[in-house]
Amino acid sequence: MAGLIGLGGMLALIYGVGFCWRGESWLRTGIKTGAMVLPALAVSMAGLPLLAVVGLWACIAGDYLLSRPGPVMLKAGIGAFALGHVFYVVSFLTLFPMRGTDGVFWAVLAGLICLGLSTEVWLSPRTGALRGAVRGYVVLILAMGVSAALSGGPRLFLLGGALCFIASDLILSTILFLGKGGRLAAFAVWGLYYAAQGLILWGLLHGIAG
């Protein structure tokens, strides 16, 4: 398990330093996908709950699809990640059923609602034929953040991971639909995304173990 995670981390570093800001290529796709597949194999064998396993592998499919060119791949990638968020939300809600609300939850809820509404101003009008898909995706990823903010359980890890996921996708959306961002933005997207998956998976594994 440690070996697979270590190899995945090495590929993640190689991708982040040398490939995340480059154009599409099969080498880039292979390194990016491998950086997620190897740790995913490890945590799947370590007893990650089935719902979370499905969510993780759906996101990996999204990684692969978004690394390939063309609007069809973009739409399919958004769909794969949306499916991953659905399974993560269900995992958060069913694996730790005694979680409740507190001040942190309500603050996160208010902030994410405001963020979601703001996308109707700066993002949605620029998404063209993908407007419906992007709107649905925004709802799902924000729902993941809200479910992670519930008190109790491994909230520190789940919420940290969900917020990193949201931040990564916000930056990615400015690259894809607003045409903004350069090499630094690409670094941020990959670093935040990899941290997000790591925090979520760590929280799920140790939450069910504890």
Protein backbone atom coordinates (compact mmCIF):
# COMPACT_ATOMS: atom_id res chain seq x y z
CA MET A 1 0.00 0.00 0.00
CA ALA A 2 2.73 2.47 0.97
CA GLY A 3 4.68 1.63 -2.18
CA LEU A 4 1.72 2.35 -4.46
CA ILE A 5 1.01 5.62 -2.69
CA GLY A 6 4.67 6.59 -2.89
CA LEU A 7 4.86 5.85 -6.61
CA GLY A 8 1.64 7.77 -7.16
CA GLY A 9 3.08 10.71 -5.26
CA MET A 10 6.21 10.65 -7.42
CA LEU A 11 4.09 10.71 -10.58
CA ALA A 12 2.01 13.54 -9.10
CA LEU A 13 5.18 15.55 -8.50
CA ILE A 14 6.47 14.83 -12.01
CA TYR A 15 3.14 15.86 -13.48
CA GLY A 16 2.95 19.01 -11.40
CA VAL A 17 6.49 20.15 -12.18
CA GLY A 18 6.76 19.16 -15.80
CA PHE A 19 3.38 18.52 -17.39
CA CYS A 20 0.34 20.17 -15.76
CA TRP A 21 0.86 23.39 -17.71
CA ARG A 22 1.62 21.77 -21.06
CA GLY A 23 -0.75 20.98 -23.92
CA GLU A 24 -2.44 17.62 -24.41
CA SER A 25 -0.33 14.54 -25.07
CA TRP A 26 -0.59 10.85 -24.31
CA LEU A 27 2.47 11.07 -22.05
CA ARG A 28 0.81 13.85 -20.04
CA THR A 29 -2.40 11.81 -19.80
CA GLY A 30 -0.54 8.70 -18.68
CA ILE A 31 1.41 10.45 -15.93
CA LYS A 32 -1.65 12.32 -14.65
CA THR A 33 -3.85 9.24 -14.61
CA GLY A 34 -1.16 7.07 -13.07
CA ALA A 35 -0.65 9.58 -10.26
CA MET A 36 -4.24 8.86 -9.18
CA VAL A 37 -4.62 5.21 -10.18
CA LEU A 38 -1.76 3.91 -8.02
CA PRO A 39 -2.96 5.48 -4.72
CA ALA A 40 -6.54 4.53 -5.65
CA LEU A 41 -5.52 0.88 -5.92
CA ALA A 42 -3.86 1.12 -2.51
CA VAL A 43 -6.81 2.67 -0.66
CA SER A 44 -9.29 0.40 -2.43
CA MET A 45 -7.39 -2.63 -1.11
CA ALA A 46 -7.08 -1.00 2.33
CA GLY A 47 -10.83 -1.15 2.95
CA LEU A 48 -12.15 2.12 1.59
CA PRO A 49 -15.98 1.82 1.63
CA LEU A 50 -17.54 0.82 -1.68
CA LEU A 51 -19.42 4.09 -2.20
CA ALA A 52 -16.21 6.05 -1.76
CA VAL A 53 -14.33 3.64 -4.04
CA VAL A 54 -16.86 4.27 -6.81
CA GLY A 55 -16.61 8.02 -6.23
CA LEU A 56 -12.82 7.93 -6.39
CA TRP A 57 -12.69 5.90 -9.60
CA ALA A 58 -15.31 8.13 -11.21
CA CYS A 59 -13.01 11.08 -10.50
CA ILE A 60 -10.08 9.20 -12.00
CA ALA A 61 -12.15 8.65 -15.13
CA GLY A 62 -12.78 12.41 -15.10
CA ASP A 63 -9.02 13.02 -14.82
CA TYR A 64 -8.41 10.94 -17.90
CA LEU A 65 -11.25 12.49 -19.93
CA LEU A 66 -10.33 16.09 -19.10
CA SER A 67 -6.74 15.41 -20.13
CA ARG A 68 -7.86 14.67 -23.68
CA PRO A 69 -8.80 17.36 -26.22
CA GLY A 70 -12.22 18.24 -27.54
CA PRO A 71 -15.66 19.32 -26.26
CA VAL A 72 -16.95 15.74 -26.08
CA MET A 73 -14.17 14.77 -23.67
CA LEU A 74 -14.73 17.95 -21.67
CA LYS A 75 -18.42 17.20 -21.23
CA ALA A 76 -17.73 13.55 -20.39
CA GLY A 77 -15.10 14.61 -17.86
CA ILE A 78 -17.50 16.98 -16.14
CA GLY A 79 -20.04 14.17 -15.98
CA ALA A 80 -17.55 11.72 -14.49
CA PHE A 81 -16.50 14.17 -11.79
CA ALA A 82 -20.16 14.98 -11.07
CA LEU A 83 -20.81 11.28 -10.51
CA GLY A 84 -17.80 11.14 -8.21
CA HIS A 85 -19.19 13.98 -6.12
CA VAL A 86 -22.55 12.23 -5.82
CA PHE A 87 -20.89 9.14 -4.38
CA TYR A 88 -18.71 11.21 -2.06
CA VAL A 89 -21.76 13.05 -0.73
CA VAL A 90 -23.59 9.78 -0.10
CA SER A 91 -20.46 8.42 1.61
CA PHE A 92 -20.20 11.43 3.91
CA LEU A 93 -23.86 11.20 4.87
CA THR A 94 -24.14 7.44 5.36
CA LEU A 95 -20.81 6.45 6.85
CA PHE A 96 -21.07 9.00 9.69
CA PRO A 97 -24.85 9.26 10.30
CA MET A 98 -24.68 10.96 13.74
CA ARG A 99 -23.18 14.19 12.40
CA GLY A 100 -25.05 17.42 13.07
CA THR A 101 -24.93 21.18 12.53
CA ASP A 102 -23.05 23.92 14.36
CA GLY A 103 -21.64 27.38 13.70
CA VAL A 104 -18.97 26.11 11.31
CA PHE A 105 -21.59 24.27 9.26
CA TRP A 106 -23.84 27.33 8.92
CA ALA A 107 -20.90 29.56 7.99
CA VAL A 108 -19.74 27.12 5.33
CA LEU A 109 -23.31 26.74 4.03
CA ALA A 110 -23.77 30.50 3.70
CA GLY A 111 -20.41 30.94 2.00
CA LEU A 112 -21.01 28.15 -0.50
CA ILE A 113 -24.49 29.40 -1.35
CA CYS A 114 -23.05 32.83 -2.10
CA LEU A 115 -20.31 31.25 -4.18
CA GLY A 116 -22.80 29.19 -6.14
CA LEU A 117 -24.99 32.20 -6.86
CA SER A 118 -21.97 34.21 -7.97
CA THR A 119 -21.20 31.66 -10.71
CA GLU A 120 -24.42 32.74 -12.44
CA VAL A 121 -22.74 36.12 -12.98
CA TRP A 122 -19.12 35.35 -13.85
CA LEU A 123 -19.17 31.73 -15.08
CA SER A 124 -22.50 30.48 -16.41
CA PRO A 125 -22.88 33.09 -19.21
CA ARG A 126 -19.50 32.01 -20.62
CA THR A 127 -20.08 28.25 -20.73
CA GLY A 128 -22.08 28.14 -23.96
CA ALA A 129 -23.59 24.74 -24.79
CA LEU A 130 -22.21 23.35 -21.52
CA ARG A 131 -24.20 25.75 -19.35
CA GLY A 132 -26.59 23.10 -18.05
CA ALA A 133 -23.82 20.63 -17.31
CA VAL A 134 -21.73 23.27 -15.55
CA ARG A 135 -24.67 24.44 -13.45
CA GLY A 136 -25.39 20.90 -12.36
CA TYR A 137 -21.74 20.35 -11.54
CA VAL A 138 -21.61 23.50 -9.42
CA VAL A 139 -24.59 22.28 -7.39
CA LEU A 140 -23.03 18.87 -6.81
CA ILE A 141 -19.58 20.04 -5.76
CA LEU A 142 -21.07 22.62 -3.41
CA ALA A 143 -23.31 19.90 -1.98
CA MET A 144 -20.16 17.90 -1.27
CA GLY A 145 -18.78 20.88 0.64
CA VAL A 146 -21.97 21.26 2.67
CA SER A 147 -22.11 17.55 3.54
CA ALA A 148 -18.44 17.64 4.58
CA ALA A 149 -19.13 20.59 6.89
CA LEU A 150 -21.49 18.65 9.15
CA SER A 151 -20.10 18.41 12.66
CA GLY A 152 -18.70 15.18 14.05
CA GLY A 153 -16.87 12.47 12.17
CA PRO A 154 -13.60 13.31 10.41
CA ARG A 155 -14.77 16.83 9.51
CA LEU A 156 -11.31 18.39 9.55
CA PHE A 157 -10.19 16.14 6.71
CA LEU A 158 -13.46 15.92 4.78
CA LEU A 159 -14.10 19.65 4.84
CA GLY A 160 -10.50 20.51 4.08
CA GLY A 161 -10.59 18.14 1.13
CA ALA A 162 -13.92 19.43 -0.15
CA LEU A 163 -12.79 23.06 0.04
CA CYS A 164 -9.56 22.22 -1.79
CA PHE A 165 -11.64 20.47 -4.45
CA ILE A 166 -13.87 23.52 -4.83
CA ALA A 167 -10.89 25.88 -5.02
CA SER A 168 -9.21 23.69 -7.64
CA ASP A 169 -12.35 23.61 -9.78
CA LEU A 170 -12.87 27.36 -9.47
CA ILE A 171 -9.40 27.99 -10.85
CA LEU A 172 -9.89 25.36 -13.55
CA SER A 173 -13.16 26.96 -14.62
CA THR A 174 -11.40 30.30 -15.17
CA ILE A 175 -8.88 28.50 -17.40
CA LEU A 176 -11.45 26.52 -19.38
CA PHE A 177 -14.22 29.08 -19.80
CA LEU A 178 -12.70 32.50 -19.16
CA GLY A 179 -9.38 31.87 -20.88
CA LYS A 180 -7.44 33.18 -17.89
CA GLY A 181 -4.56 31.76 -15.92
CA GLY A 182 -1.10 30.58 -16.85
CA ARG A 183 1.45 28.16 -15.49
CA LEU A 184 0.85 29.21 -11.88
CA ALA A 185 -2.88 28.56 -12.22
CA ALA A 186 -2.17 25.08 -13.62
CA PHE A 187 0.11 24.34 -10.65
CA ALA A 188 -2.63 25.46 -8.26
CA VAL A 189 -5.31 23.34 -9.94
CA TRP A 190 -3.23 20.17 -9.70
CA GLY A 191 -1.85 20.79 -6.21
CA LEU A 192 -5.25 21.60 -4.72
CA TYR A 193 -6.90 18.67 -6.46
CA TYR A 194 -4.31 16.15 -5.30
CA ALA A 195 -4.50 17.51 -1.77
CA ALA A 196 -8.30 17.33 -1.91
CA GLN A 197 -8.37 13.66 -2.80
CA GLY A 198 -5.74 12.85 -0.21
CA LEU A 199 -7.59 14.62 2.60
CA ILE A 200 -10.94 13.08 1.70
CA LEU A 201 -9.57 9.56 1.46
CA TRP A 202 -7.57 9.91 4.67
CA GLY A 203 -10.66 11.17 6.46
CA LEU A 204 -12.84 8.32 5.19
CA LEU A 205 -10.32 5.60 6.00
CA HIS A 206 -9.51 6.84 9.48
CA GLY A 207 -13.08 7.91 10.21
CA ILE A 208 -14.44 4.42 9.72
CA ALA A 209 -11.46 2.91 11.56
CA GLY A 210 -11.94 5.19 14.57
